[in-house]
Protein backbone atom coordinates (compact mmCIF):
# COMPACT_ATOMS: atom_id res chain seq x y z
CA MET A 1 0.00 0.00 0.00
CA THR A 2 1.22 3.50 -0.82
CA ILE A 3 0.66 6.30 1.67
CA ARG A 4 1.84 9.92 1.53
CA HIS A 5 3.92 11.86 4.01
CA SER A 6 1.39 14.18 5.60
CA LEU A 7 3.73 17.20 5.42
CA ALA A 8 6.05 16.70 2.44
CA GLY A 9 3.70 14.63 0.30
CA GLU A 10 6.36 12.05 -0.56
CA PRO A 11 5.18 8.47 -1.23
CA ILE A 12 5.79 5.82 1.43
CA LEU A 13 5.43 2.09 0.82
CA PHE A 14 3.59 0.55 3.77
CA ALA A 15 4.49 -3.16 3.93
CA PRO A 16 4.55 -4.41 7.55
CA HIS A 17 4.76 -8.06 6.38
CA ARG A 18 8.38 -7.46 5.32
CA GLY A 19 9.29 -7.59 9.00
CA GLU A 20 8.32 -11.30 8.93
CA ARG A 21 11.26 -12.20 6.69
CA PRO A 22 13.50 -14.98 8.07
CA ARG A 23 16.81 -13.43 9.08
CA ALA A 24 15.26 -10.04 8.29
CA PHE A 25 17.78 -8.27 10.50
CA THR A 26 20.82 -10.58 10.26
CA ASP A 27 23.15 -11.88 7.56
CA ASP A 28 23.72 -15.45 8.68
CA ALA A 29 22.22 -17.76 6.04
CA THR A 30 24.38 -20.83 5.38
CA LEU A 31 24.45 -23.49 2.69
CA ASP A 32 22.08 -25.58 4.82
CA THR A 33 19.56 -22.81 5.42
CA CYS A 34 19.85 -20.49 2.39
CA PRO A 35 16.55 -20.43 0.43
CA PHE A 36 18.42 -19.24 -2.67
CA CYS A 37 20.67 -22.31 -2.94
CA PRO A 38 19.99 -25.32 -5.24
CA GLY A 39 17.81 -27.88 -3.51
CA HIS A 40 15.84 -25.16 -1.73
CA GLU A 41 13.83 -24.00 -4.73
CA HIS A 42 10.64 -25.12 -2.97
CA GLU A 43 11.24 -22.43 -0.33
CA THR A 44 10.72 -19.64 -2.84
CA PRO A 45 7.57 -18.78 -4.81
CA PRO A 46 7.31 -20.47 -8.24
CA GLU A 47 10.01 -19.12 -10.52
CA LEU A 48 9.31 -16.65 -13.30
CA ALA A 49 12.45 -17.23 -15.35
CA ARG A 50 15.60 -19.32 -15.32
CA LEU A 51 18.88 -19.56 -17.20
CA PRO A 52 19.88 -23.23 -17.23
CA ASN A 53 23.44 -24.43 -16.88
CA ASP A 54 25.52 -26.85 -18.93
CA ASP A 55 27.69 -28.21 -16.12
CA ALA A 56 27.04 -29.69 -12.69
CA ASP A 57 25.22 -26.60 -11.43
CA PRO A 58 21.45 -26.83 -12.03
CA TRP A 59 21.04 -23.21 -13.14
CA ARG A 60 22.92 -19.95 -13.57
CA VAL A 61 20.16 -17.45 -12.78
CA ARG A 62 16.71 -17.81 -11.19
CA VAL A 63 13.95 -15.20 -10.93
CA PHE A 64 10.93 -15.52 -8.67
CA PRO A 65 8.45 -13.24 -6.88
CA ASN A 66 9.68 -11.72 -3.65
CA LYS A 67 8.09 -13.67 -0.82
CA TYR A 68 7.88 -10.50 1.28
CA PRO A 69 7.34 -7.77 -1.33
CA ALA A 70 7.33 -4.05 -0.72
CA VAL A 71 4.78 -3.87 -3.56
CA ASP A 72 2.96 -6.45 -5.68
CA GLY A 73 5.12 -7.72 -8.51
CA ALA A 74 8.45 -7.35 -6.71
CA GLU A 75 11.00 -9.93 -7.81
CA VAL A 76 14.27 -11.50 -6.67
CA ILE A 77 16.98 -12.25 -9.24
CA VAL A 78 19.42 -14.85 -7.87
CA GLU A 79 22.55 -14.44 -9.94
CA SER A 80 24.44 -17.67 -9.24
CA SER A 81 23.60 -21.10 -7.90
CA ARG A 82 26.80 -21.05 -5.84
CA HIS A 83 26.31 -19.72 -2.33
CA ASP A 84 29.74 -18.15 -1.91
CA ASP A 85 29.97 -16.41 -5.29
CA GLN A 86 30.20 -12.64 -5.44
CA PHE A 87 29.03 -10.77 -8.53
CA GLU A 88 32.63 -10.23 -9.64
CA ASP A 89 33.24 -14.00 -9.49
CA ILE A 90 30.60 -15.21 -11.91
CA ALA A 91 31.47 -16.06 -15.51
CA HIS A 92 27.98 -15.25 -16.77
CA ALA A 93 27.71 -11.63 -15.59
CA ALA A 94 26.57 -10.47 -19.04
CA ASP A 95 23.73 -13.02 -18.89
CA VAL A 96 22.68 -11.54 -15.55
CA LEU A 97 22.37 -8.11 -17.16
CA ARG A 98 20.41 -9.61 -20.05
CA MET A 99 18.05 -11.08 -17.46
CA TYR A 100 17.71 -7.61 -15.91
CA ALA A 101 16.60 -6.31 -19.30
CA GLU A 102 14.15 -9.19 -19.76
CA ARG A 103 12.53 -8.53 -16.39
CA LEU A 104 12.39 -4.77 -17.04
CA ARG A 105 10.48 -5.50 -20.24
CA ALA A 106 8.10 -7.73 -18.29
CA HIS A 107 7.10 -4.70 -16.20
CA ALA A 108 7.02 -2.16 -19.02
CA THR A 109 3.62 -0.81 -17.94
CA ALA A 110 4.75 0.15 -14.41
CA PRO A 111 5.24 3.90 -13.81
CA TYR A 112 8.77 3.12 -12.65
CA VAL A 113 10.82 -0.04 -12.06
CA ALA A 114 13.54 0.07 -9.40
CA LEU A 115 16.39 -2.39 -10.01
CA PHE A 116 19.13 -2.69 -7.40
CA ARG A 117 21.47 -4.89 -5.37
CA ASN A 118 22.04 -4.65 -1.63
CA ASP A 119 25.47 -6.15 -1.00
CA GLY A 120 26.20 -6.83 2.67
CA ALA A 121 24.30 -6.31 5.91
CA ARG A 122 25.09 -2.59 6.17
CA ALA A 123 23.63 -2.14 2.69
CA GLY A 124 20.37 -3.82 3.69
CA SER A 125 20.92 -7.40 2.53
CA SER A 126 19.17 -10.04 4.64
CA ILE A 127 20.53 -13.05 2.68
CA PRO A 128 24.18 -13.10 1.58
CA HIS A 129 23.65 -15.29 -1.52
CA VAL A 130 24.31 -13.00 -4.51
CA HIS A 131 21.04 -11.51 -5.77
CA SER A 132 19.36 -8.35 -6.97
CA GLN A 133 15.82 -7.06 -6.62
CA LEU A 134 13.31 -5.54 -8.99
CA VAL A 135 10.42 -3.45 -7.64
CA PRO A 136 7.73 -2.15 -10.04
CA LEU A 137 6.52 1.01 -8.35
CA PRO A 138 3.00 2.43 -8.78
CA PHE A 139 4.45 5.94 -8.99
CA VAL A 140 7.50 7.81 -10.29
CA PRO A 141 9.79 8.29 -7.26
CA PRO A 142 10.68 11.88 -6.27
CA ARG A 143 14.37 11.46 -7.09
CA ILE A 144 13.62 10.11 -10.56
CA ALA A 145 11.14 12.91 -11.18
CA ARG A 146 13.78 15.48 -10.17
CA GLU A 147 16.43 13.98 -12.43
CA LEU A 148 13.98 13.82 -15.33
CA GLU A 149 13.14 17.49 -14.86
CA VAL A 150 16.81 18.52 -14.66
CA ALA A 151 17.62 16.49 -17.79
CA THR A 152 15.24 18.61 -19.86
CA ARG A 153 17.67 21.51 -19.38
CA GLY A 154 20.64 19.56 -20.75
CA CYS A 155 22.51 16.33 -20.08
CA ALA A 156 25.17 16.48 -17.39
CA LEU A 157 26.33 12.91 -18.10
CA CYS A 158 27.30 13.23 -21.76
CA ASP A 159 30.39 15.06 -20.47
CA VAL A 160 30.41 13.81 -16.90
CA ASP A 161 32.22 15.89 -14.27
CA GLY A 162 34.31 13.77 -11.95
CA ALA A 163 37.53 11.89 -11.31
CA MET A 164 38.14 9.18 -13.90
CA ILE A 165 38.62 5.65 -12.57
CA ARG A 166 38.58 3.68 -15.82
CA GLU A 167 37.13 3.74 -19.30
CA SER A 168 35.95 0.98 -21.60
CA ASP A 169 34.76 1.06 -25.19
CA GLY A 170 31.25 2.01 -24.20
CA PHE A 171 31.37 3.30 -20.62
CA THR A 172 33.07 5.68 -18.24
CA TRP A 173 33.64 4.67 -14.59
CA VAL A 174 33.94 7.82 -12.54
CA ALA A 175 33.86 9.19 -8.99
CA PRO A 176 31.42 12.06 -9.57
CA ALA A 177 32.41 15.57 -8.54
CA SER A 178 28.99 15.87 -6.91
CA SER A 179 29.40 12.74 -4.76
CA TRP A 180 27.17 12.73 -1.71
CA MET A 181 28.56 9.52 -0.17
CA PRO A 182 32.20 8.45 0.27
CA TYR A 183 33.56 6.47 -2.71
CA GLN A 184 30.33 6.94 -4.66
CA GLN A 185 30.72 5.87 -8.30
CA TRP A 186 28.88 6.13 -11.59
CA LEU A 187 29.16 3.87 -14.62
CA VAL A 188 27.98 6.04 -17.50
CA PRO A 189 27.42 4.90 -21.10
CA ARG A 190 29.21 7.08 -23.64
CA ARG A 191 26.11 6.89 -25.81
CA HIS A 192 23.16 8.98 -24.61
CA ILE A 193 20.40 6.51 -23.80
CA ALA A 194 17.62 6.66 -21.22
CA SER A 195 17.39 2.99 -20.24
CA MET A 196 19.52 -0.13 -20.19
CA LEU A 197 16.88 -1.52 -22.55
CA ASP A 198 18.51 0.68 -25.19
CA LEU A 199 21.90 -1.02 -24.77
CA GLY A 200 23.05 -3.36 -27.51
CA ASP A 201 24.34 -6.83 -26.70
CA ARG A 202 27.99 -5.78 -26.94
CA GLU A 203 27.31 -2.82 -24.65
CA LEU A 204 25.64 -5.11 -22.07
CA THR A 205 28.73 -7.33 -22.09
CA ASP A 206 30.98 -4.28 -21.74
CA LEU A 207 28.90 -2.98 -18.81
CA ALA A 208 28.93 -6.38 -17.09
CA THR A 209 32.74 -6.53 -17.23
CA LEU A 210 33.15 -2.99 -15.91
CA LEU A 211 30.56 -3.54 -13.20
CA GLN A 212 32.46 -6.62 -12.02
CA SER A 213 35.62 -4.51 -11.72
CA ALA A 214 33.70 -1.83 -9.83
CA THR A 215 32.10 -4.24 -7.36
CA SER A 216 35.45 -5.93 -6.74
CA ALA A 217 37.12 -2.59 -5.99
CA THR A 218 34.23 -1.43 -3.81
CA ARG A 219 34.14 -4.64 -1.78
CA ALA A 220 37.59 -3.78 -0.43
CA ILE A 221 36.00 -0.65 1.07
CA GLY A 222 32.88 -2.20 2.58
CA ASP A 223 29.24 -3.08 1.96
CA PHE A 224 27.52 -1.25 -0.86
CA ASN A 225 24.41 -0.75 -2.97
CA VAL A 226 24.25 -0.92 -6.76
CA VAL A 227 21.37 0.94 -8.41
CA MET A 228 20.43 0.80 -12.09
CA MET A 229 19.29 4.34 -12.82
CA ASN A 230 16.86 3.69 -15.64
CA PHE A 231 14.52 6.34 -17.00
CA PRO A 232 11.51 6.14 -19.32
CA ARG A 233 12.68 5.34 -22.85
CA GLY A 234 12.66 8.41 -25.05
CA SER A 235 13.13 10.80 -22.11
CA ALA A 236 15.97 13.34 -22.00
CA ALA A 237 17.64 11.59 -19.06
CA HIS A 238 20.84 9.54 -19.37
CA PHE A 239 20.94 5.98 -17.98
CA TYR A 240 23.73 5.20 -15.51
CA VAL A 241 24.68 2.75 -12.78
CA GLU A 242 25.28 4.14 -9.30
CA ILE A 243 27.42 2.41 -6.66
CA LEU A 244 27.04 3.59 -3.08
CA PRO A 245 29.49 2.21 -0.47
CA ARG A 246 28.00 2.21 3.03
CA VAL A 247 31.00 3.35 5.02
CA THR A 248 29.32 6.13 6.98
CA THR A 249 26.04 6.36 8.86
CA ILE A 250 23.12 8.39 7.56
CA ALA A 251 22.33 10.46 10.66
CA GLY A 252 20.24 13.38 11.86
CA LEU A 253 21.41 16.04 9.41
CA GLU A 254 20.82 13.79 6.40
CA LEU A 255 17.49 12.44 7.64
CA GLY A 256 16.23 15.80 8.80
CA THR A 257 17.22 17.88 5.80
CA GLY A 258 18.07 15.56 2.91
CA THR A 259 21.48 17.25 2.84
CA PHE A 260 24.56 15.03 2.87
CA VAL A 261 28.10 15.74 4.06
CA GLU A 262 30.82 14.29 1.81
CA ILE A 263 34.10 13.42 3.58
CA ILE A 264 36.15 11.85 0.76
CA ASP A 265 37.43 13.91 -2.15
CA PRO A 266 36.37 12.27 -5.44
CA ILE A 267 39.97 12.44 -6.71
CA ALA A 268 41.19 10.49 -3.68
CA ALA A 269 38.30 8.06 -4.13
CA ALA A 270 39.20 7.49 -7.76
CA LEU A 271 42.84 6.86 -6.90
CA ARG A 272 41.92 4.19 -4.36
CA LEU A 273 39.34 2.51 -6.59
CA ARG A 274 41.68 2.62 -9.59
CA GLY A 275 44.33 0.82 -7.58
């Protein structure tokens, strides 16, 4: 259910059943208890999609409805059958991104589809097995609406301002000059597109490789979130991937004002991530 903040008018998803999740506030699932591991498929809702495997592993990727959704239609994308894999370990990372695109298309009628990974307990993950989440929202979130409005005045990402970490054929990996969290990063396509659905197959492979490098570098810093910043196709906005390490606590100033204090210079961040 969606409610509105009585003063600011911002949407709030009211989903008290999410507090019933097993291990909702810990990060201690093991091979014997993890519902995302092979042999435990019966513990999840019936799957929506699967990428089969050719070797001893039963599958590469599984998608199923979130058992404790924030909204109807929310999905879990389990990105490897192996419990101890990290995203940077998997050989089929490009196939994971292709699955993202497939699931985005499946929710094409939603006002907005949030696609993200919570990596580690500090980033909000309740199960350590590598997975992402997709949430089809019944509204356009305030941040997305703001970025869409700003984009109509010109694209700030076609010539992104920040400290370069690495470049590939199709993407720029950068610590943005306007970082609002320490070691924040953007992966920005060189080509101006509004959604990852506009990426070609070669670009998806390129992004997967760069994203693996970025998650590997960020893991040395701490837990983190990865957010696919998609916008409606045909809009003036520029698709990008945002990586947000959770090395500081969001406290009273941030919660009370929406204003963040950055403590790491983007140039210093880029140097560390580049290394």
